[in-house]
Amino acid sequence: MTLTVDLSPQQLAEACVHSMWTQDRASRNLGMTLASASPGEATLTLLIEPHMVNGQGACHGGFIFTLADSAFAFACNTYNQRVVGQHCSISYLVPAYEGDRLTAHAREHWRAGRSGIYDVTITNQDGVQVAEFRGHSRTVKGTHLPVEELLAK
């Protein structure tokens, strides 16, 4: 059921992302910061700390993947529909290192029915592209904001 309320798309996106962020212990406990969100987009950052470095002296790819996956999740959950990842892939372009601040910017490429495709670009503090991630989403049952909360706005 889609509920029409007097919220702008930006207000709805921010409210959905705030609701998700308060429940997302994984992203918060890894040290991610939610920088921004708008309909179909989200930006998260992560400072690479010593415990994130692998045996090659670079950031472990799993942390880069997790940052991208979190940005993807927030971008596709900005319409008050619960959405999960169905498939994703990542290409690592250059290494990231301890002390780097990574930014993952996710943007909607295509969305129709219950499916969507999102691209996430991960850059370091110098604007160098570190990785490129593509996620396919699938809408599932449920909403982020209860009907009562939407009607109160």
N, C-alpha and C. Protein backbone atom coordinates (compact mmCIF):
# COMPACT_ATOMS: atom_id res chain seq x y z
N MET A 1 0.85 -1.18 0.00
CA MET A 1 0.00 0.00 0.00
C MET A 1 0.89 1.23 0.00
N THR A 2 0.65 2.14 -0.91
CA THR A 2 1.39 3.39 -0.95
C THR A 2 0.54 4.47 -0.32
N LEU A 3 1.12 5.20 0.59
CA LEU A 3 0.41 6.25 1.29
C LEU A 3 0.90 7.60 0.77
N THR A 4 0.00 8.45 0.35
CA THR A 4 0.37 9.78 -0.11
C THR A 4 0.24 10.72 1.08
N VAL A 5 1.30 11.42 1.39
CA VAL A 5 1.30 12.38 2.50
C VAL A 5 1.95 13.65 2.03
N ASP A 6 1.88 14.65 2.88
CA ASP A 6 2.41 15.96 2.52
C ASP A 6 3.88 16.08 2.91
N LEU A 7 4.69 15.17 2.43
CA LEU A 7 6.14 15.23 2.61
C LEU A 7 6.76 15.39 1.24
N SER A 8 7.77 16.23 1.15
CA SER A 8 8.49 16.31 -0.12
C SER A 8 9.30 15.04 -0.29
N PRO A 9 9.70 14.71 -1.52
CA PRO A 9 10.56 13.54 -1.71
C PRO A 9 11.84 13.62 -0.86
N GLN A 10 12.41 14.82 -0.72
CA GLN A 10 13.62 14.98 0.09
C GLN A 10 13.33 14.69 1.56
N GLN A 11 12.23 15.22 2.08
CA GLN A 11 11.86 14.97 3.48
C GLN A 11 11.62 13.49 3.74
N LEU A 12 10.95 12.84 2.79
CA LEU A 12 10.68 11.40 2.94
C LEU A 12 11.99 10.62 2.92
N ALA A 13 12.88 10.95 1.99
CA ALA A 13 14.18 10.26 1.92
C ALA A 13 14.95 10.43 3.23
N GLU A 14 15.02 11.64 3.74
CA GLU A 14 15.76 11.90 4.99
C GLU A 14 15.14 11.16 6.17
N ALA A 15 13.81 11.12 6.24
CA ALA A 15 13.15 10.42 7.34
C ALA A 15 13.40 8.92 7.26
N CYS A 16 13.34 8.35 6.08
CA CYS A 16 13.61 6.91 5.91
C CYS A 16 15.04 6.57 6.29
N VAL A 17 15.97 7.37 5.81
CA VAL A 17 17.39 7.13 6.09
C VAL A 17 17.67 7.29 7.59
N HIS A 18 17.06 8.28 8.22
CA HIS A 18 17.25 8.45 9.67
C HIS A 18 16.74 7.22 10.42
N SER A 19 15.57 6.71 10.01
CA SER A 19 15.02 5.52 10.65
C SER A 19 15.96 4.33 10.49
N MET A 20 16.49 4.15 9.29
CA MET A 20 17.43 3.04 9.04
C MET A 20 18.71 3.22 9.83
N TRP A 21 19.26 4.46 9.82
CA TRP A 21 20.55 4.73 10.46
C TRP A 21 20.50 4.39 11.95
N THR A 22 19.39 4.71 12.62
CA THR A 22 19.30 4.44 14.06
C THR A 22 19.32 2.95 14.36
N GLN A 23 18.96 2.12 13.38
CA GLN A 23 18.93 0.68 13.58
C GLN A 23 20.15 -0.03 13.00
N ASP A 24 20.97 0.68 12.23
CA ASP A 24 22.10 0.06 11.53
C ASP A 24 23.35 0.08 12.41
N ARG A 25 23.43 -0.87 13.30
CA ARG A 25 24.59 -0.93 14.21
C ARG A 25 25.86 -1.30 13.47
N ALA A 26 25.76 -2.08 12.41
CA ALA A 26 26.95 -2.51 11.67
C ALA A 26 27.68 -1.29 11.09
N SER A 27 26.99 -0.48 10.32
CA SER A 27 27.63 0.68 9.69
C SER A 27 28.18 1.64 10.74
N ARG A 28 27.38 1.92 11.76
CA ARG A 28 27.83 2.87 12.80
C ARG A 28 29.03 2.32 13.57
N ASN A 29 28.99 1.05 13.94
CA ASN A 29 30.08 0.48 14.74
C ASN A 29 31.37 0.28 13.95
N LEU A 30 31.27 0.24 12.64
CA LEU A 30 32.48 0.18 11.81
C LEU A 30 33.10 1.57 11.65
N GLY A 31 32.38 2.61 12.08
CA GLY A 31 32.90 3.96 12.01
C GLY A 31 32.42 4.77 10.83
N MET A 32 31.42 4.27 10.12
CA MET A 32 30.89 5.02 8.98
C MET A 32 30.12 6.24 9.47
N THR A 33 30.10 7.25 8.62
CA THR A 33 29.32 8.45 8.86
C THR A 33 28.39 8.65 7.68
N LEU A 34 27.15 8.93 7.97
CA LEU A 34 26.18 9.23 6.93
C LEU A 34 26.30 10.72 6.61
N ALA A 35 26.77 11.03 5.42
CA ALA A 35 27.01 12.42 5.03
C ALA A 35 25.78 13.08 4.44
N SER A 36 25.04 12.36 3.59
CA SER A 36 23.86 12.96 2.96
C SER A 36 22.98 11.88 2.36
N ALA A 37 21.74 12.25 2.12
CA ALA A 37 20.80 11.36 1.45
C ALA A 37 19.75 12.21 0.74
N SER A 38 19.31 11.72 -0.39
CA SER A 38 18.23 12.31 -1.15
C SER A 38 17.56 11.17 -1.90
N PRO A 39 16.43 11.39 -2.55
CA PRO A 39 15.76 10.29 -3.23
C PRO A 39 16.70 9.55 -4.20
N GLY A 40 16.92 8.27 -3.92
CA GLY A 40 17.76 7.44 -4.78
C GLY A 40 19.25 7.66 -4.63
N GLU A 41 19.68 8.43 -3.64
CA GLU A 41 21.11 8.70 -3.44
C GLU A 41 21.47 8.70 -1.96
N ALA A 42 22.72 8.35 -1.69
CA ALA A 42 23.25 8.44 -0.33
C ALA A 42 24.76 8.50 -0.40
N THR A 43 25.35 9.22 0.56
CA THR A 43 26.80 9.32 0.66
C THR A 43 27.22 9.00 2.08
N LEU A 44 28.16 8.06 2.21
CA LEU A 44 28.73 7.67 3.49
C LEU A 44 30.24 7.81 3.42
N THR A 45 30.86 8.04 4.57
CA THR A 45 32.32 8.13 4.64
C THR A 45 32.84 7.14 5.68
N LEU A 46 34.14 6.82 5.55
CA LEU A 46 34.80 5.90 6.48
C LEU A 46 36.28 6.23 6.53
N LEU A 47 36.80 6.43 7.73
CA LEU A 47 38.23 6.62 7.94
C LEU A 47 38.87 5.25 8.10
N ILE A 48 39.91 4.98 7.30
CA ILE A 48 40.59 3.69 7.37
C ILE A 48 41.53 3.69 8.57
N GLU A 49 41.25 2.82 9.51
CA GLU A 49 42.01 2.74 10.76
C GLU A 49 42.97 1.54 10.72
N PRO A 50 43.93 1.49 11.66
CA PRO A 50 44.95 0.43 11.63
C PRO A 50 44.38 -0.99 11.57
N HIS A 51 43.28 -1.26 12.27
CA HIS A 51 42.74 -2.62 12.28
C HIS A 51 42.06 -3.00 10.97
N MET A 52 42.01 -2.09 10.00
CA MET A 52 41.38 -2.36 8.71
C MET A 52 42.40 -2.68 7.61
N VAL A 53 43.67 -2.74 7.99
CA VAL A 53 44.76 -2.95 7.02
C VAL A 53 45.06 -4.45 6.92
N ASN A 54 45.23 -4.93 5.69
CA ASN A 54 45.51 -6.34 5.45
C ASN A 54 47.01 -6.63 5.43
N GLY A 55 47.38 -7.85 5.11
CA GLY A 55 48.77 -8.27 5.09
C GLY A 55 49.59 -7.65 3.97
N GLN A 56 48.97 -6.97 3.05
CA GLN A 56 49.66 -6.26 1.97
C GLN A 56 49.93 -4.80 2.33
N GLY A 57 49.45 -4.38 3.51
CA GLY A 57 49.63 -2.99 3.94
C GLY A 57 48.58 -2.04 3.40
N ALA A 58 47.54 -2.57 2.77
CA ALA A 58 46.45 -1.75 2.23
C ALA A 58 45.16 -2.06 2.98
N CYS A 59 44.17 -1.23 2.78
CA CYS A 59 42.86 -1.48 3.39
C CYS A 59 42.30 -2.80 2.86
N HIS A 60 41.82 -3.63 3.76
CA HIS A 60 41.19 -4.89 3.37
C HIS A 60 39.98 -4.57 2.50
N GLY A 61 39.85 -5.26 1.37
CA GLY A 61 38.77 -5.01 0.43
C GLY A 61 37.38 -5.18 1.03
N GLY A 62 37.28 -6.00 2.07
CA GLY A 62 35.98 -6.20 2.71
C GLY A 62 35.43 -4.94 3.33
N PHE A 63 36.32 -4.07 3.84
CA PHE A 63 35.86 -2.82 4.42
C PHE A 63 35.37 -1.86 3.32
N ILE A 64 36.06 -1.85 2.20
CA ILE A 64 35.64 -1.01 1.08
C ILE A 64 34.31 -1.51 0.55
N PHE A 65 34.17 -2.82 0.42
CA PHE A 65 32.92 -3.41 -0.04
C PHE A 65 31.78 -3.07 0.91
N THR A 66 32.03 -3.18 2.21
CA THR A 66 30.99 -2.91 3.20
C THR A 66 30.56 -1.45 3.16
N LEU A 67 31.50 -0.53 2.99
CA LEU A 67 31.15 0.88 2.86
C LEU A 67 30.25 1.08 1.64
N ALA A 68 30.62 0.50 0.51
CA ALA A 68 29.82 0.63 -0.71
C ALA A 68 28.44 0.00 -0.53
N ASP A 69 28.39 -1.16 0.09
CA ASP A 69 27.14 -1.86 0.30
C ASP A 69 26.20 -1.06 1.20
N SER A 70 26.75 -0.41 2.21
CA SER A 70 25.93 0.42 3.10
C SER A 70 25.38 1.63 2.35
N ALA A 71 26.21 2.28 1.54
CA ALA A 71 25.73 3.42 0.76
C ALA A 71 24.62 2.97 -0.19
N PHE A 72 24.81 1.83 -0.83
CA PHE A 72 23.80 1.23 -1.70
C PHE A 72 22.49 1.03 -0.93
N ALA A 73 22.59 0.46 0.25
CA ALA A 73 21.39 0.18 1.05
C ALA A 73 20.63 1.46 1.38
N PHE A 74 21.35 2.48 1.79
CA PHE A 74 20.67 3.73 2.14
C PHE A 74 20.06 4.39 0.91
N ALA A 75 20.73 4.34 -0.22
CA ALA A 75 20.20 4.97 -1.44
C ALA A 75 18.91 4.31 -1.89
N CYS A 76 18.84 3.00 -1.82
CA CYS A 76 17.64 2.33 -2.35
C CYS A 76 16.52 2.25 -1.33
N ASN A 77 16.73 2.73 -0.13
CA ASN A 77 15.69 2.73 0.90
C ASN A 77 15.18 4.13 1.20
N THR A 78 15.15 5.00 0.20
CA THR A 78 14.75 6.39 0.41
C THR A 78 13.30 6.67 0.02
N TYR A 79 12.53 5.64 -0.29
CA TYR A 79 11.15 5.82 -0.76
C TYR A 79 10.11 5.24 0.19
N ASN A 80 10.48 4.96 1.41
CA ASN A 80 9.62 4.34 2.42
C ASN A 80 9.10 2.97 1.99
N GLN A 81 9.95 2.24 1.32
CA GLN A 81 9.71 0.84 1.03
C GLN A 81 10.96 0.10 1.50
N ARG A 82 10.78 -1.05 2.12
CA ARG A 82 11.94 -1.84 2.53
C ARG A 82 12.54 -2.50 1.29
N VAL A 83 13.85 -2.31 1.14
CA VAL A 83 14.56 -2.81 -0.03
C VAL A 83 15.82 -3.53 0.43
N VAL A 84 16.12 -4.65 -0.18
CA VAL A 84 17.33 -5.42 0.14
C VAL A 84 18.17 -5.60 -1.11
N GLY A 85 19.41 -5.96 -0.91
CA GLY A 85 20.29 -6.25 -2.04
C GLY A 85 19.99 -7.62 -2.60
N GLN A 86 19.95 -7.72 -3.91
CA GLN A 86 19.71 -9.00 -4.57
C GLN A 86 20.99 -9.54 -5.19
N HIS A 87 21.83 -8.64 -5.66
CA HIS A 87 23.10 -9.01 -6.27
C HIS A 87 23.99 -7.77 -6.27
N CYS A 88 25.28 -7.96 -6.12
CA CYS A 88 26.19 -6.82 -6.21
C CYS A 88 27.57 -7.31 -6.62
N SER A 89 28.34 -6.36 -7.16
CA SER A 89 29.72 -6.65 -7.54
C SER A 89 30.55 -5.39 -7.34
N ILE A 90 31.85 -5.60 -7.21
CA ILE A 90 32.75 -4.47 -6.99
C ILE A 90 34.01 -4.67 -7.82
N SER A 91 34.53 -3.57 -8.31
CA SER A 91 35.84 -3.57 -8.97
C SER A 91 36.74 -2.64 -8.18
N TYR A 92 37.85 -3.18 -7.68
CA TYR A 92 38.83 -2.38 -6.95
C TYR A 92 39.78 -1.78 -7.97
N LEU A 93 39.98 -0.48 -7.90
CA LEU A 93 40.79 0.21 -8.91
C LEU A 93 42.18 0.57 -8.42
N VAL A 94 42.27 1.13 -7.22
CA VAL A 94 43.56 1.43 -6.59
C VAL A 94 43.42 1.14 -5.10
N PRO A 95 44.52 0.85 -4.42
CA PRO A 95 44.43 0.57 -2.99
C PRO A 95 44.08 1.81 -2.17
N ALA A 96 43.50 1.56 -1.02
CA ALA A 96 43.31 2.58 0.00
C ALA A 96 44.22 2.20 1.16
N TYR A 97 44.64 3.18 1.94
CA TYR A 97 45.60 2.93 3.01
C TYR A 97 45.13 3.52 4.33
N GLU A 98 45.77 3.06 5.40
CA GLU A 98 45.50 3.59 6.72
C GLU A 98 45.56 5.11 6.69
N GLY A 99 44.57 5.74 7.28
CA GLY A 99 44.51 7.20 7.32
C GLY A 99 43.69 7.80 6.19
N ASP A 100 43.41 7.02 5.15
CA ASP A 100 42.58 7.53 4.06
C ASP A 100 41.14 7.69 4.56
N ARG A 101 40.48 8.72 4.08
CA ARG A 101 39.04 8.87 4.33
C ARG A 101 38.34 8.56 3.02
N LEU A 102 37.58 7.46 3.04
CA LEU A 102 36.86 7.03 1.85
C LEU A 102 35.44 7.59 1.86
N THR A 103 34.98 7.95 0.69
CA THR A 103 33.60 8.42 0.50
C THR A 103 32.94 7.53 -0.53
N ALA A 104 31.78 7.02 -0.17
CA ALA A 104 30.99 6.19 -1.09
C ALA A 104 29.73 6.96 -1.45
N HIS A 105 29.60 7.28 -2.72
CA HIS A 105 28.41 7.98 -3.20
C HIS A 105 27.60 7.01 -4.05
N ALA A 106 26.40 6.68 -3.57
CA ALA A 106 25.50 5.77 -4.27
C ALA A 106 24.42 6.57 -4.98
N ARG A 107 24.12 6.16 -6.20
CA ARG A 107 23.08 6.83 -6.97
C ARG A 107 22.27 5.81 -7.75
N GLU A 108 21.01 6.09 -7.83
CA GLU A 108 20.09 5.22 -8.55
C GLU A 108 20.35 5.32 -10.05
N HIS A 109 20.53 4.18 -10.67
CA HIS A 109 20.72 4.13 -12.11
C HIS A 109 19.38 3.83 -12.81
N TRP A 110 18.60 2.93 -12.21
CA TRP A 110 17.32 2.51 -12.78
C TRP A 110 16.49 1.88 -11.67
N ARG A 111 15.17 2.14 -11.71
CA ARG A 111 14.26 1.54 -10.73
C ARG A 111 12.89 1.41 -11.36
N ALA A 112 12.32 0.21 -11.29
CA ALA A 112 10.98 -0.04 -11.81
C ALA A 112 10.42 -1.26 -11.09
N GLY A 113 9.14 -1.21 -10.77
CA GLY A 113 8.51 -2.33 -10.08
C GLY A 113 9.22 -2.61 -8.77
N ARG A 114 9.66 -3.83 -8.57
CA ARG A 114 10.32 -4.22 -7.33
C ARG A 114 11.84 -4.25 -7.46
N SER A 115 12.39 -3.85 -8.61
CA SER A 115 13.82 -3.98 -8.86
C SER A 115 14.48 -2.63 -9.08
N GLY A 116 15.77 -2.56 -8.80
CA GLY A 116 16.53 -1.36 -9.05
C GLY A 116 18.00 -1.68 -9.27
N ILE A 117 18.69 -0.76 -9.90
CA ILE A 117 20.14 -0.88 -10.10
C ILE A 117 20.76 0.42 -9.59
N TYR A 118 21.79 0.28 -8.77
CA TYR A 118 22.46 1.42 -8.15
C TYR A 118 23.96 1.32 -8.37
N ASP A 119 24.57 2.44 -8.66
CA ASP A 119 26.02 2.52 -8.82
C ASP A 119 26.60 3.29 -7.65
N VAL A 120 27.72 2.79 -7.14
CA VAL A 120 28.40 3.42 -6.01
C VAL A 120 29.84 3.68 -6.42
N THR A 121 30.26 4.92 -6.31
CA THR A 121 31.64 5.30 -6.58
C THR A 121 32.31 5.57 -5.25
N ILE A 122 33.46 4.92 -5.01
CA ILE A 122 34.21 5.10 -3.77
C ILE A 122 35.48 5.87 -4.12
N THR A 123 35.67 7.00 -3.45
CA THR A 123 36.86 7.83 -3.67
C THR A 123 37.59 8.05 -2.35
N ASN A 124 38.87 8.42 -2.45
CA ASN A 124 39.61 8.79 -1.24
C ASN A 124 39.55 10.30 -1.04
N GLN A 125 40.24 10.79 -0.03
CA GLN A 125 40.19 12.21 0.33
C GLN A 125 40.76 13.12 -0.76
N ASP A 126 41.51 12.56 -1.69
CA ASP A 126 42.06 13.34 -2.80
C ASP A 126 41.18 13.28 -4.05
N GLY A 127 40.05 12.61 -3.94
CA GLY A 127 39.15 12.47 -5.09
C GLY A 127 39.53 11.36 -6.04
N VAL A 128 40.53 10.56 -5.67
CA VAL A 128 40.95 9.43 -6.51
C VAL A 128 39.93 8.31 -6.35
N GLN A 129 39.47 7.77 -7.47
CA GLN A 129 38.50 6.68 -7.43
C GLN A 129 39.19 5.39 -7.01
N VAL A 130 38.70 4.82 -5.92
CA VAL A 130 39.28 3.61 -5.33
C VAL A 130 38.56 2.36 -5.84
N ALA A 131 37.24 2.45 -6.00
CA ALA A 131 36.46 1.28 -6.42
C ALA A 131 35.15 1.73 -7.04
N GLU A 132 34.56 0.80 -7.79
CA GLU A 132 33.24 1.01 -8.38
C GLU A 132 32.41 -0.21 -8.05
N PHE A 133 31.20 0.03 -7.55
CA PHE A 133 30.30 -1.02 -7.05
C PHE A 133 28.98 -0.88 -7.79
N ARG A 134 28.36 -2.00 -8.15
CA ARG A 134 27.01 -1.97 -8.72
C ARG A 134 26.16 -2.93 -7.92
N GLY A 135 25.00 -2.45 -7.48
CA GLY A 135 24.08 -3.27 -6.71
C GLY A 135 22.72 -3.35 -7.36
N HIS A 136 22.14 -4.54 -7.31
CA HIS A 136 20.78 -4.76 -7.79
C HIS A 136 19.90 -4.94 -6.56
N SER A 137 18.82 -4.19 -6.50
CA SER A 137 17.96 -4.21 -5.32
C SER A 137 16.64 -4.92 -5.60
N ARG A 138 15.99 -5.30 -4.51
CA ARG A 138 14.68 -5.93 -4.59
C ARG A 138 13.82 -5.41 -3.44
N THR A 139 12.65 -4.87 -3.77
CA THR A 139 11.72 -4.39 -2.75
C THR A 139 11.04 -5.58 -2.09
N VAL A 140 10.94 -5.52 -0.75
CA VAL A 140 10.27 -6.55 0.03
C VAL A 140 9.13 -5.91 0.81
N LYS A 141 8.42 -6.68 1.58
CA LYS A 141 7.29 -6.16 2.34
C LYS A 141 7.77 -5.23 3.45
N GLY A 142 6.99 -4.19 3.72
CA GLY A 142 7.22 -3.32 4.85
C GLY A 142 7.68 -1.93 4.46
N THR A 143 7.59 -1.04 5.44
CA THR A 143 8.01 0.35 5.28
C THR A 143 8.94 0.73 6.42
N HIS A 144 9.63 1.84 6.26
CA HIS A 144 10.52 2.33 7.32
C HIS A 144 9.79 3.20 8.32
N LEU A 145 8.82 3.94 7.82
CA LEU A 145 8.09 4.86 8.67
C LEU A 145 6.66 4.36 8.84
N PRO A 146 6.20 4.32 10.08
CA PRO A 146 4.82 3.87 10.30
C PRO A 146 3.84 4.90 9.74
N VAL A 147 2.67 4.43 9.38
CA VAL A 147 1.64 5.30 8.82
C VAL A 147 1.35 6.47 9.75
N GLU A 148 1.28 6.22 11.05
CA GLU A 148 0.97 7.29 12.01
C GLU A 148 2.02 8.40 11.95
N GLU A 149 3.28 8.03 11.81
CA GLU A 149 4.36 9.02 11.74
C GLU A 149 4.23 9.87 10.48
N LEU A 150 3.88 9.26 9.38
CA LEU A 150 3.73 10.00 8.12
C LEU A 150 2.54 10.95 8.19
N LEU A 151 1.45 10.49 8.78
CA LEU A 151 0.25 11.33 8.88
C LEU A 151 0.45 12.51 9.81
N ALA A 152 1.35 12.37 10.79
CA ALA A 152 1.61 13.45 11.74
C ALA A 152 2.45 14.57 11.14
N LYS A 153 3.11 14.34 10.04
CA LYS A 153 4.01 15.35 9.45
C LYS A 153 3.26 16.41 8.72
